[in-house]
Amino acid sequence: MAEYSNHQKKIIDRYYDNRDSIMIVKLQEIVTEIYLATAEGTKKRLWKRAADAMANLKIHPTIIERILEKKKPEVLAEHLRQWQTRSTKPPKKKRPE
């Protein structure tokens, strides 16, 4: 297993601390791309990416299924708005090193 420097460890920790926010931003980008997509193959690929991002956010599988059944970007955007407010939490207090 690779040894990470303290700097690398901090970067990795910050990524996992902010993973929900990163996934929210990724989903926002996907919603935009779905709105603009014209080809069915592209839309199918984008919905697959959206499903993966929702799974990373640990969204309940039944909610993911309902969103994917409808395949309406408006529905995904509305849920995304709710998840965004859920993911905004106060920052953690720094531990003394």
PDB file of N, CA and C in Angstrom:
ATOM      1  N   MET A   1       0.838  -1.176   0.000  1.00  0.00           N
ATOM      2  CA  MET A   1       0.000   0.000   0.000  1.00  0.00           C
ATOM      3  C   MET A   1       0.885   1.242   0.000  1.00  0.00           C
ATOM      4  N   ALA A   2       0.451   2.246  -0.708  1.00  0.00           N
ATOM      5  CA  ALA A   2       1.252   3.456  -0.850  1.00  0.00           C
ATOM      6  C   ALA A   2       1.248   4.269   0.441  1.00  0.00           C
ATOM      7  N   GLU A   3       2.377   4.879   0.707  1.00  0.00           N
ATOM      8  CA  GLU A   3       2.489   5.792   1.834  1.00  0.00           C
ATOM      9  C   GLU A   3       2.162   7.182   1.334  1.00  0.00           C
ATOM     10  N   TYR A   4       1.288   7.879   2.034  1.00  0.00           N
ATOM     11  CA  TYR A   4       0.906   9.230   1.651  1.00  0.00           C
ATOM     12  C   TYR A   4       1.559  10.229   2.586  1.00  0.00           C
ATOM     13  N   SER A   5       1.960  11.355   2.017  1.00  0.00           N
ATOM     14  CA  SER A   5       2.518  12.424   2.845  1.00  0.00           C
ATOM     15  C   SER A   5       1.371  13.062   3.638  1.00  0.00           C
ATOM     16  N   ASN A   6       1.720  13.846   4.637  1.00  0.00           N
ATOM     17  CA  ASN A   6       0.693  14.522   5.429  1.00  0.00           C
ATOM     18  C   ASN A   6      -0.162  15.429   4.556  1.00  0.00           C
ATOM     19  N   HIS A   7       0.474  16.092   3.608  1.00  0.00           N
ATOM     20  CA  HIS A   7      -0.252  16.970   2.686  1.00  0.00           C
ATOM     21  C   HIS A   7      -1.270  16.173   1.870  1.00  0.00           C
ATOM     22  N   GLN A   8      -0.846  15.023   1.342  1.00  0.00           N
ATOM     23  CA  GLN A   8      -1.752  14.174   0.562  1.00  0.00           C
ATOM     24  C   GLN A   8      -2.894  13.648   1.426  1.00  0.00           C
ATOM     25  N   LYS A   9      -2.604  13.288   2.664  1.00  0.00           N
ATOM     26  CA  LYS A   9      -3.640  12.803   3.577  1.00  0.00           C
ATOM     27  C   LYS A   9      -4.694  13.864   3.833  1.00  0.00           C
ATOM     28  N   LYS A  10      -4.264  15.110   3.982  1.00  0.00           N
ATOM     29  CA  LYS A  10      -5.206  16.204   4.201  1.00  0.00           C
ATOM     30  C   LYS A  10      -6.095  16.416   2.981  1.00  0.00           C
ATOM     31  N   ILE A  11      -5.515  16.317   1.798  1.00  0.00           N
ATOM     32  CA  ILE A  11      -6.294  16.458   0.561  1.00  0.00           C
ATOM     33  C   ILE A  11      -7.334  15.354   0.474  1.00  0.00           C
ATOM     34  N   ILE A  12      -6.937  14.136   0.765  1.00  0.00           N
ATOM     35  CA  ILE A  12      -7.859  12.993   0.728  1.00  0.00           C
ATOM     36  C   ILE A  12      -8.966  13.176   1.756  1.00  0.00           C
ATOM     37  N   ASP A  13      -8.620  13.606   2.964  1.00  0.00           N
ATOM     38  CA  ASP A  13      -9.627  13.844   4.010  1.00  0.00           C
ATOM     39  C   ASP A  13     -10.622  14.918   3.594  1.00  0.00           C
ATOM     40  N   ARG A  14     -10.123  16.009   3.009  1.00  0.00           N
ATOM     41  CA  ARG A  14     -11.023  17.086   2.575  1.00  0.00           C
ATOM     42  C   ARG A  14     -11.954  16.605   1.462  1.00  0.00           C
ATOM     43  N   TYR A  15     -11.444  15.751   0.566  1.00  0.00           N
ATOM     44  CA  TYR A  15     -12.301  15.216  -0.491  1.00  0.00           C
ATOM     45  C   TYR A  15     -13.470  14.451   0.137  1.00  0.00           C
ATOM     46  N   TYR A  16     -13.182  13.559   1.063  1.00  0.00           N
ATOM     47  CA  TYR A  16     -14.247  12.762   1.664  1.00  0.00           C
ATOM     48  C   TYR A  16     -15.154  13.593   2.572  1.00  0.00           C
ATOM     49  N   ASP A  17     -14.615  14.645   3.175  1.00  0.00           N
ATOM     50  CA  ASP A  17     -15.459  15.542   3.974  1.00  0.00           C
ATOM     51  C   ASP A  17     -16.456  16.289   3.097  1.00  0.00           C
ATOM     52  N   ASN A  18     -16.064  16.558   1.854  1.00  0.00           N
ATOM     53  CA  ASN A  18     -16.895  17.344   0.941  1.00  0.00           C
ATOM     54  C   ASN A  18     -17.509  16.511  -0.173  1.00  0.00           C
ATOM     55  N   ARG A  19     -17.514  15.214  -0.043  1.00  0.00           N
ATOM     56  CA  ARG A  19     -17.978  14.340  -1.116  1.00  0.00           C
ATOM     57  C   ARG A  19     -19.435  14.602  -1.500  1.00  0.00           C
ATOM     58  N   ASP A  20     -20.298  14.832  -0.516  1.00  0.00           N
ATOM     59  CA  ASP A  20     -21.704  15.122  -0.824  1.00  0.00           C
ATOM     60  C   ASP A  20     -21.830  16.370  -1.684  1.00  0.00           C
ATOM     61  N   SER A  21     -21.104  17.408  -1.317  1.00  0.00           N
ATOM     62  CA  SER A  21     -21.154  18.649  -2.091  1.00  0.00           C
ATOM     63  C   SER A  21     -20.633  18.437  -3.502  1.00  0.00           C
ATOM     64  N   ILE A  22     -19.587  17.646  -3.635  1.00  0.00           N
ATOM     65  CA  ILE A  22     -19.025  17.349  -4.955  1.00  0.00           C
ATOM     66  C   ILE A  22     -20.049  16.608  -5.806  1.00  0.00           C
ATOM     67  N   MET A  23     -20.748  15.636  -5.222  1.00  0.00           N
ATOM     68  CA  MET A  23     -21.761  14.881  -5.966  1.00  0.00           C
ATOM     69  C   MET A  23     -22.952  15.763  -6.352  1.00  0.00           C
ATOM     70  N   ILE A  24     -23.326  16.695  -5.482  1.00  0.00           N
ATOM     71  CA  ILE A  24     -24.419  17.625  -5.797  1.00  0.00           C
ATOM     72  C   ILE A  24     -24.049  18.459  -7.019  1.00  0.00           C
ATOM     73  N   VAL A  25     -22.829  18.986  -7.035  1.00  0.00           N
ATOM     74  CA  VAL A  25     -22.376  19.791  -8.171  1.00  0.00           C
ATOM     75  C   VAL A  25     -22.346  18.947  -9.438  1.00  0.00           C
ATOM     76  N   LYS A  26     -21.867  17.713  -9.314  1.00  0.00           N
ATOM     77  CA  LYS A  26     -21.825  16.829 -10.475  1.00  0.00           C
ATOM     78  C   LYS A  26     -23.235  16.584 -11.017  1.00  0.00           C
ATOM     79  N   LEU A  27     -24.196  16.356 -10.128  1.00  0.00           N
ATOM     80  CA  LEU A  27     -25.580  16.150 -10.559  1.00  0.00           C
ATOM     81  C   LEU A  27     -26.159  17.405 -11.207  1.00  0.00           C
ATOM     82  N   GLN A  28     -25.812  18.568 -10.697  1.00  0.00           N
ATOM     83  CA  GLN A  28     -26.279  19.811 -11.305  1.00  0.00           C
ATOM     84  C   GLN A  28     -25.776  19.915 -12.742  1.00  0.00           C
ATOM     85  N   GLU A  29     -24.527  19.555 -12.956  1.00  0.00           N
ATOM     86  CA  GLU A  29     -23.967  19.584 -14.303  1.00  0.00           C
ATOM     87  C   GLU A  29     -24.661  18.574 -15.211  1.00  0.00           C
ATOM     88  N   ILE A  30     -24.954  17.402 -14.666  1.00  0.00           N
ATOM     89  CA  ILE A  30     -25.624  16.359 -15.451  1.00  0.00           C
ATOM     90  C   ILE A  30     -27.028  16.805 -15.851  1.00  0.00           C
ATOM     91  N   VAL A  31     -27.750  17.446 -14.927  1.00  0.00           N
ATOM     92  CA  VAL A  31     -29.095  17.943 -15.247  1.00  0.00           C
ATOM     93  C   VAL A  31     -29.019  18.924 -16.416  1.00  0.00           C
ATOM     94  N   THR A  32     -28.050  19.816 -16.376  1.00  0.00           N
ATOM     95  CA  THR A  32     -27.877  20.774 -17.463  1.00  0.00           C
ATOM     96  C   THR A  32     -27.600  20.055 -18.778  1.00  0.00           C
ATOM     97  N   GLU A  33     -26.718  19.064 -18.738  1.00  0.00           N
ATOM     98  CA  GLU A  33     -26.383  18.327 -19.952  1.00  0.00           C
ATOM     99  C   GLU A  33     -27.589  17.562 -20.493  1.00  0.00           C
ATOM    100  N   ILE A  34     -28.414  17.006 -19.600  1.00  0.00           N
ATOM    101  CA  ILE A  34     -29.615  16.280 -20.039  1.00  0.00           C
ATOM    102  C   ILE A  34     -30.576  17.239 -20.742  1.00  0.00           C
ATOM    103  N   TYR A  35     -30.765  18.436 -20.187  1.00  0.00           N
ATOM    104  CA  TYR A  35     -31.633  19.433 -20.816  1.00  0.00           C
ATOM    105  C   TYR A  35     -31.167  19.742 -22.236  1.00  0.00           C
ATOM    106  N   LEU A  36     -29.849  19.828 -22.416  1.00  0.00           N
ATOM    107  CA  LEU A  36     -29.297  20.241 -23.705  1.00  0.00           C
ATOM    108  C   LEU A  36     -29.107  19.086 -24.686  1.00  0.00           C
ATOM    109  N   ALA A  37     -29.098  17.867 -24.198  1.00  0.00           N
ATOM    110  CA  ALA A  37     -28.837  16.709 -25.057  1.00  0.00           C
ATOM    111  C   ALA A  37     -29.984  16.489 -26.045  1.00  0.00           C
ATOM    112  N   THR A  38     -29.618  16.121 -27.263  1.00  0.00           N
ATOM    113  CA  THR A  38     -30.627  15.840 -28.282  1.00  0.00           C
ATOM    114  C   THR A  38     -30.623  14.369 -28.675  1.00  0.00           C
ATOM    115  N   ALA A  39     -29.467  13.750 -28.669  1.00  0.00           N
ATOM    116  CA  ALA A  39     -29.351  12.341 -29.064  1.00  0.00           C
ATOM    117  C   ALA A  39     -29.778  11.429 -27.915  1.00  0.00           C
ATOM    118  N   GLU A  40     -30.538  10.400 -28.246  1.00  0.00           N
ATOM    119  CA  GLU A  40     -31.027   9.459 -27.226  1.00  0.00           C
ATOM    120  C   GLU A  40     -29.881   8.706 -26.556  1.00  0.00           C
ATOM    121  N   GLY A  41     -28.860   8.370 -27.307  1.00  0.00           N
ATOM    122  CA  GLY A  41     -27.710   7.671 -26.724  1.00  0.00           C
ATOM    123  C   GLY A  41     -27.020   8.514 -25.668  1.00  0.00           C
ATOM    124  N   THR A  42     -26.902   9.798 -25.947  1.00  0.00           N
ATOM    125  CA  THR A  42     -26.291  10.719 -24.990  1.00  0.00           C
ATOM    126  C   THR A  42     -27.142  10.828 -23.741  1.00  0.00           C
ATOM    127  N   LYS A  43     -28.455  10.956 -23.921  1.00  0.00           N
ATOM    128  CA  LYS A  43     -29.356  11.046 -22.764  1.00  0.00           C
ATOM    129  C   LYS A  43     -29.265   9.786 -21.911  1.00  0.00           C
ATOM    130  N   LYS A  44     -29.202   8.626 -22.553  1.00  0.00           N
ATOM    131  CA  LYS A  44     -29.123   7.355 -21.822  1.00  0.00           C
ATOM    132  C   LYS A  44     -27.851   7.308 -20.974  1.00  0.00           C
ATOM    133  N   ARG A  45     -26.743   7.734 -21.563  1.00  0.00           N
ATOM    134  CA  ARG A  45     -25.463   7.739 -20.857  1.00  0.00           C
ATOM    135  C   ARG A  45     -25.503   8.723 -19.678  1.00  0.00           C
ATOM    136  N   LEU A  46     -26.127   9.886 -19.891  1.00  0.00           N
ATOM    137  CA  LEU A  46     -26.220  10.886 -18.822  1.00  0.00           C
ATOM    138  C   LEU A  46     -27.106  10.407 -17.675  1.00  0.00           C
ATOM    139  N   TRP A  47     -28.197   9.728 -17.988  1.00  0.00           N
ATOM    140  CA  TRP A  47     -29.057   9.198 -16.923  1.00  0.00           C
ATOM    141  C   TRP A  47     -28.319   8.127 -16.125  1.00  0.00           C
ATOM    142  N   LYS A  48     -27.451   7.364 -16.787  1.00  0.00           N
ATOM    143  CA  LYS A  48     -26.637   6.357 -16.086  1.00  0.00           C
ATOM    144  C   LYS A  48     -25.684   7.058 -15.116  1.00  0.00           C
ATOM    145  N   ARG A  49     -25.059   8.139 -15.583  1.00  0.00           N
ATOM    146  CA  ARG A  49     -24.168   8.912 -14.711  1.00  0.00           C
ATOM    147  C   ARG A  49     -24.932   9.518 -13.540  1.00  0.00           C
ATOM    148  N   ALA A  50     -26.154   9.984 -13.795  1.00  0.00           N
ATOM    149  CA  ALA A  50     -26.983  10.545 -12.730  1.00  0.00           C
ATOM    150  C   ALA A  50     -27.305   9.475 -11.693  1.00  0.00           C
ATOM    151  N   ALA A  51     -27.628   8.270 -12.157  1.00  0.00           N
ATOM    152  CA  ALA A  51     -27.928   7.172 -11.225  1.00  0.00           C
ATOM    153  C   ALA A  51     -26.715   6.854 -10.356  1.00  0.00           C
ATOM    154  N   ASP A  52     -25.531   6.834 -10.965  1.00  0.00           N
ATOM    155  CA  ASP A  52     -24.309   6.564 -10.200  1.00  0.00           C
ATOM    156  C   ASP A  52     -24.056   7.654  -9.157  1.00  0.00           C
ATOM    157  N   ALA A  53     -24.263   8.908  -9.547  1.00  0.00           N
ATOM    158  CA  ALA A  53     -24.043  10.018  -8.612  1.00  0.00           C
ATOM    159  C   ALA A  53     -25.046   9.965  -7.463  1.00  0.00           C
ATOM    160  N   MET A  54     -26.300   9.620  -7.768  1.00  0.00           N
ATOM    161  CA  MET A  54     -27.306   9.508  -6.701  1.00  0.00           C
ATOM    162  C   MET A  54     -26.946   8.372  -5.748  1.00  0.00           C
ATOM    163  N   ALA A  55     -26.434   7.278  -6.289  1.00  0.00           N
ATOM    164  CA  ALA A  55     -26.014   6.161  -5.438  1.00  0.00           C
ATOM    165  C   ALA A  55     -24.859   6.594  -4.530  1.00  0.00           C
ATOM    166  N   ASN A  56     -23.937   7.399  -5.062  1.00  0.00           N
ATOM    167  CA  ASN A  56     -22.828   7.908  -4.250  1.00  0.00           C
ATOM    168  C   ASN A  56     -23.321   8.832  -3.144  1.00  0.00           C
ATOM    169  N   LEU A  57     -24.437   9.501  -3.384  1.00  0.00           N
ATOM    170  CA  LEU A  57     -25.033  10.357  -2.352  1.00  0.00           C
ATOM    171  C   LEU A  57     -25.833   9.547  -1.332  1.00  0.00           C
ATOM    172  N   LYS A  58     -25.933   8.244  -1.572  1.00  0.00           N
ATOM    173  CA  LYS A  58     -26.680   7.329  -0.705  1.00  0.00           C
ATOM    174  C   LYS A  58     -28.167   7.681  -0.660  1.00  0.00           C
ATOM    175  N   ILE A  59     -28.712   8.022  -1.838  1.00  0.00           N
ATOM    176  CA  ILE A  59     -30.141   8.273  -1.982  1.00  0.00           C
ATOM    177  C   ILE A  59     -30.838   6.919  -1.961  1.00  0.00           C
ATOM    178  N   HIS A  60     -31.989   6.851  -1.336  1.00  0.00           N
ATOM    179  CA  HIS A  60     -32.725   5.593  -1.225  1.00  0.00           C
ATOM    180  C   HIS A  60     -33.008   5.036  -2.625  1.00  0.00           C
ATOM    181  N   PRO A  61     -32.771   3.733  -2.834  1.00  0.00           N
ATOM    182  CA  PRO A  61     -32.946   3.128  -4.163  1.00  0.00           C
ATOM    183  C   PRO A  61     -34.339   3.328  -4.776  1.00  0.00           C
ATOM    184  N   THR A  62     -35.384   3.361  -3.959  1.00  0.00           N
ATOM    185  CA  THR A  62     -36.723   3.552  -4.530  1.00  0.00           C
ATOM    186  C   THR A  62     -36.875   4.956  -5.113  1.00  0.00           C
ATOM    187  N   ILE A  63     -36.248   5.932  -4.499  1.00  0.00           N
ATOM    188  CA  ILE A  63     -36.292   7.296  -5.024  1.00  0.00           C
ATOM    189  C   ILE A  63     -35.535   7.351  -6.345  1.00  0.00           C
ATOM    190  N   ILE A  64     -34.374   6.711  -6.382  1.00  0.00           N
ATOM    191  CA  ILE A  64     -33.590   6.668  -7.627  1.00  0.00           C
ATOM    192  C   ILE A  64     -34.407   6.014  -8.736  1.00  0.00           C
ATOM    193  N   GLU A  65     -35.063   4.904  -8.420  1.00  0.00           N
ATOM    194  CA  GLU A  65     -35.872   4.202  -9.420  1.00  0.00           C
ATOM    195  C   GLU A  65     -36.984   5.085  -9.951  1.00  0.00           C
ATOM    196  N   ARG A  66     -37.680   5.800  -9.053  1.00  0.00           N
ATOM    197  CA  ARG A  66     -38.781   6.668  -9.494  1.00  0.00           C
ATOM    198  C   ARG A  66     -38.283   7.778 -10.405  1.00  0.00           C
ATOM    199  N   ILE A  67     -37.141   8.354 -10.074  1.00  0.00           N
ATOM    200  CA  ILE A  67     -36.580   9.413 -10.908  1.00  0.00           C
ATOM    201  C   ILE A  67     -36.201   8.858 -12.278  1.00  0.00           C
ATOM    202  N   LEU A  68     -35.585   7.674 -12.282  1.00  0.00           N
ATOM    203  CA  LEU A  68     -35.147   7.082 -13.548  1.00  0.00           C
ATOM    204  C   LEU A  68     -36.316   6.592 -14.397  1.00  0.00           C
ATOM    205  N   GLU A  69     -37.423   6.205 -13.765  1.00  0.00           N
ATOM    206  CA  GLU A  69     -38.614   5.803 -14.532  1.00  0.00           C
ATOM    207  C   GLU A  69     -39.189   6.987 -15.303  1.00  0.00           C
ATOM    208  N   LYS A  70     -39.233   8.143 -14.644  1.00  0.00           N
ATOM    209  CA  LYS A  70     -39.815   9.328 -15.278  1.00  0.00           C
ATOM    210  C   LYS A  70     -38.875   9.928 -16.317  1.00  0.00           C
ATOM    211  N   LYS A  71     -37.577   9.860 -16.051  1.00  0.00           N
ATOM    212  CA  LYS A  71     -36.553  10.425 -16.927  1.00  0.00           C
ATOM    213  C   LYS A  71     -36.881  11.848 -17.354  1.00  0.00           C
ATOM    214  N   LYS A  72     -37.288  12.641 -16.365  1.00  0.00           N
ATOM    215  CA  LYS A  72     -37.550  14.060 -16.604  1.00  0.00           C
ATOM    216  C   LYS A  72     -36.515  14.859 -15.817  1.00  0.00           C
ATOM    217  N   PRO A  73     -35.746  15.690 -16.490  1.00  0.00           N
ATOM    218  CA  PRO A  73     -34.735  16.461 -15.767  1.00  0.00           C
ATOM    219  C   PRO A  73     -35.346  17.394 -14.727  1.00  0.00           C
ATOM    220  N   GLU A  74     -36.605  17.814 -14.927  1.00  0.00           N
ATOM    221  CA  GLU A  74     -37.255  18.690 -13.956  1.00  0.00           C
ATOM    222  C   GLU A  74     -37.421  17.984 -12.615  1.00  0.00           C
ATOM    223  N   VAL A  75     -37.760  16.701 -12.681  1.00  0.00           N
ATOM    224  CA  VAL A  75     -37.947  15.907 -11.457  1.00  0.00           C
ATOM    225  C   VAL A  75     -36.610  15.760 -10.728  1.00  0.00           C
ATOM    226  N   LEU A  76     -35.575  15.441 -11.477  1.00  0.00           N
ATOM    227  CA  LEU A  76     -34.251  15.312 -10.877  1.00  0.00           C
ATOM    228  C   LEU A  76     -33.807  16.647 -10.284  1.00  0.00           C
ATOM    229  N   ALA A  77     -34.053  17.734 -10.987  1.00  0.00           N
ATOM    230  CA  ALA A  77     -33.656  19.057 -10.497  1.00  0.00           C
ATOM    231  C   ALA A  77     -34.381  19.410  -9.200  1.00  0.00           C
ATOM    232  N   GLU A  78     -35.662  19.056  -9.100  1.00  0.00           N
ATOM    233  CA  GLU A  78     -36.420  19.347  -7.876  1.00  0.00           C
ATOM    234  C   GLU A  78     -35.865  18.559  -6.687  1.00  0.00           C
ATOM    235  N   HIS A  79     -35.591  17.278  -6.895  1.00  0.00           N
ATOM    236  CA  HIS A  79     -34.983  16.475  -5.826  1.00  0.00           C
ATOM    237  C   HIS A  79     -33.603  17.021  -5.466  1.00  0.00           C
ATOM    238  N   LEU A  80     -32.881  17.417  -6.481  1.00  0.00           N
ATOM    239  CA  LEU A  80     -31.545  17.953  -6.268  1.00  0.00           C
ATOM    240  C   LEU A  80     -31.584  19.190  -5.385  1.00  0.00           C
ATOM    241  N   ARG A  81     -32.585  20.022  -5.582  1.00  0.00           N
ATOM    242  CA  ARG A  81     -32.758  21.213  -4.753  1.00  0.00           C
ATOM    243  C   ARG A  81     -32.937  20.813  -3.290  1.00  0.00           C
ATOM    244  N   GLN A  82     -33.711  19.775  -3.048  1.00  0.00           N
ATOM    245  CA  GLN A  82     -33.939  19.304  -1.677  1.00  0.00           C
ATOM    246  C   GLN A  82     -32.660  18.712  -1.081  1.00  0.00           C
ATOM    247  N   TRP A  83     -31.955  17.929  -1.878  1.00  0.00           N
ATOM    248  CA  TRP A  83     -30.727  17.303  -1.382  1.00  0.00           C
ATOM    249  C   TRP A  83     -29.658  18.344  -1.102  1.00  0.00           C
ATOM    250  N   GLN A  84     -29.676  19.403  -1.876  1.00  0.00           N
ATOM    251  CA  GLN A  84     -28.683  20.445  -1.690  1.00  0.00           C
ATOM    252  C   GLN A  84     -28.859  21.105  -0.328  1.00  0.00           C
ATOM    253  N   THR A  85     -30.082  21.368   0.077  1.00  0.00           N
ATOM    254  CA  THR A  85     -30.303  21.962   1.392  1.00  0.00           C
ATOM    255  C   THR A  85     -29.948  20.978   2.498  1.00  0.00           C
ATOM    256  N   ARG A  86     -30.156  19.684   2.232  1.00  0.00           N
ATOM    257  CA  ARG A  86     -29.810  18.662   3.213  1.00  0.00           C
ATOM    258  C   ARG A  86     -28.300  18.565   3.395  1.00  0.00           C
ATOM    259  N   SER A  87     -27.549  18.750   2.312  1.00  0.00           N
ATOM    260  CA  SER A  87     -26.100  18.551   2.388  1.00  0.00           C
ATOM    261  C   SER A  87     -25.372  19.763   2.940  1.00  0.00           C
ATOM    262  N   THR A  88     -26.042  20.904   3.048  1.00  0.00           N
ATOM    263  CA  THR A  88     -25.375  22.069   3.621  1.00  0.00           C
ATOM    264  C   THR A  88     -25.411  21.950   5.133  1.00  0.00           C
ATOM    265  N   LYS A  89     -24.276  21.643   5.669  1.00  0.00           N
ATOM    266  CA  LYS A  89     -24.161  21.464   7.107  1.00  0.00           C
ATOM    267  C   LYS A  89     -22.998  22.324   7.588  1.00  0.00           C
ATOM    268  N   PRO A  90     -22.997  22.670   8.859  1.00  0.00           N
ATOM    269  CA  PRO A  90     -21.911  23.506   9.350  1.00  0.00           C
ATOM    270  C   PRO A  90     -20.584  22.784   9.233  1.00  0.00           C
ATOM    271  N   PRO A  91     -19.521  23.514   8.963  1.00  0.00           N
ATOM    272  CA  PRO A  91     -18.211  22.874   8.834  1.00  0.00           C
ATOM    273  C   PRO A  91     -17.757  22.264  10.147  1.00  0.00           C
ATOM    274  N   LYS A  92     -16.968  21.214  10.023  1.00  0.00           N
ATOM    275  CA  LYS A  92     -16.447  20.558  11.225  1.00  0.00           C
ATOM    276  C   LYS A  92     -15.407  21.444  11.897  1.00  0.00           C
ATOM    277  N   LYS A  93     -15.364  21.328  13.219  1.00  0.00           N
ATOM    278  CA  LYS A  93     -14.336  22.048  13.945  1.00  0.00           C
ATOM    279  C   LYS A  93     -13.018  21.335  13.723  1.00  0.00           C
ATOM    280  N   LYS A  94     -11.984  22.124  13.542  1.00  0.00           N
ATOM    281  CA  LYS A  94     -10.662  21.534  13.303  1.00  0.00           C
ATOM    282  C   LYS A  94     -10.124  20.974  14.610  1.00  0.00           C
ATOM    283  N   ARG A  95      -9.513  19.813  14.473  1.00  0.00           N
ATOM    284  CA  ARG A  95      -8.862  19.195  15.619  1.00  0.00           C
ATOM    285  C   ARG A  95      -7.454  19.756  15.745  1.00  0.00           C
ATOM    286  N   PRO A  96      -6.992  19.926  16.961  1.00  0.00           N
ATOM    287  CA  PRO A  96      -5.597  20.340  17.106  1.00  0.00           C
ATOM    288  C   PRO A  96      -4.671  19.226  16.659  1.00  0.00           C
ATOM    289  N   GLU A  97      -3.636  19.587  15.975  1.00  0.00           N
ATOM    290  CA  GLU A  97      -2.713  18.571  15.450  1.00  0.00           C
ATOM    291  C   GLU A  97      -1.517  18.383  16.328  1.00  0.00           C
TER     292      GLU A  97
END
